[in-house]
Amino acid sequence: MFKIIIIYELIFVLFWNLLYLSNSSVENWFQEKFLTAIFTFLSTMALGLTMVYVIYYSFQITGLSKFLSKIKDPRKN
């Protein structure tokens, strides 16, 4: 579970860095409306984490995670 959270956080930070560095109007928006930017940043992070938990618990409830864990990795013999 911690791997999922860490991977999600890394993807989220990379996404926001790409967004911030790719568009100058986003940079101006961050400078002009700092509190709005922090709220947007944290709320999208919470929304993404909620989506990860919903998917994770859906796999647990339906039993799909047990089925997926039984599949052998084709890269290993």
Protein backbone atom coordinates (compact mmCIF):
# COMPACT_ATOMS: atom_id res chain seq x y z
CA MET A 1 0.00 0.00 0.00
CA PHE A 2 2.85 2.36 0.77
CA LYS A 3 4.33 1.71 -2.66
CA ILE A 4 1.08 2.88 -4.24
CA ILE A 5 1.10 6.07 -2.18
CA ILE A 6 4.74 6.84 -2.93
CA ILE A 7 4.29 6.17 -6.65
CA TYR A 8 1.19 8.35 -6.69
CA GLU A 9 3.00 11.19 -4.93
CA LEU A 10 5.91 11.03 -7.38
CA ILE A 11 3.59 11.06 -10.38
CA PHE A 12 1.63 13.94 -8.91
CA VAL A 13 4.75 16.03 -8.27
CA LEU A 14 6.06 15.31 -11.77
CA PHE A 15 2.69 16.28 -13.27
CA TRP A 16 2.63 19.60 -11.44
CA ASN A 17 6.27 20.34 -12.31
CA LEU A 18 5.57 19.71 -15.98
CA LEU A 19 2.48 21.88 -15.82
CA TYR A 20 4.33 24.63 -14.00
CA LEU A 21 7.37 24.65 -16.29
CA SER A 22 5.56 24.20 -19.59
CA ASN A 23 3.18 27.16 -19.46
CA SER A 24 4.12 30.69 -18.47
CA SER A 25 0.52 31.66 -17.71
CA VAL A 26 0.42 28.96 -15.02
CA GLU A 27 3.56 30.48 -13.49
CA ASN A 28 1.93 33.92 -13.41
CA TRP A 29 -1.18 32.40 -11.87
CA PHE A 30 0.94 30.83 -9.11
CA GLN A 31 2.57 34.17 -8.37
CA GLU A 32 -0.66 36.18 -8.37
CA LYS A 33 -2.92 33.76 -6.49
CA PHE A 34 -0.66 31.82 -4.17
CA LEU A 35 -3.33 30.59 -1.72
CA THR A 36 -5.60 29.52 -4.56
CA ALA A 37 -2.68 27.63 -6.08
CA ILE A 38 -1.95 25.84 -2.79
CA PHE A 39 -5.63 24.92 -2.39
CA THR A 40 -5.80 23.63 -5.98
CA PHE A 41 -2.59 21.67 -5.52
CA LEU A 42 -3.73 20.01 -2.30
CA SER A 43 -7.30 19.36 -3.46
CA THR A 44 -6.18 17.65 -6.66
CA MET A 45 -3.73 15.60 -4.61
CA ALA A 46 -6.52 14.53 -2.26
CA LEU A 47 -8.79 13.71 -5.20
CA GLY A 48 -6.11 11.53 -6.77
CA LEU A 49 -5.43 9.74 -3.50
CA THR A 50 -9.15 9.10 -3.08
CA MET A 51 -9.28 7.58 -6.56
CA VAL A 52 -6.34 5.30 -5.72
CA TYR A 53 -8.07 4.12 -2.53
CA VAL A 54 -11.36 3.51 -4.35
CA ILE A 55 -9.61 1.40 -6.98
CA TYR A 56 -7.59 -0.46 -4.33
CA TYR A 57 -10.60 -1.29 -2.15
CA SER A 58 -12.67 -2.23 -5.20
CA PHE A 59 -10.00 -4.79 -6.10
CA GLN A 60 -10.05 -6.07 -2.52
CA ILE A 61 -13.84 -6.36 -2.30
CA THR A 62 -14.32 -8.05 -5.67
CA GLY A 63 -11.46 -10.49 -5.11
CA LEU A 64 -9.69 -9.32 -8.23
CA SER A 65 -6.49 -8.64 -6.29
CA LYS A 66 -6.19 -12.32 -5.31
CA PHE A 67 -6.66 -13.34 -8.92
CA LEU A 68 -4.06 -10.83 -10.11
CA SER A 69 -1.54 -11.92 -7.47
CA LYS A 70 -1.77 -15.54 -8.70
CA ILE A 71 -0.71 -14.60 -12.24
CA LYS A 72 2.93 -15.48 -12.78
CA ASP A 73 5.36 -12.87 -14.02
CA PRO A 74 6.42 -13.91 -17.57
CA ARG A 75 9.84 -12.29 -17.07
CA LYS A 76 10.68 -14.76 -14.30
CA ASN A 77 11.03 -18.50 -14.80
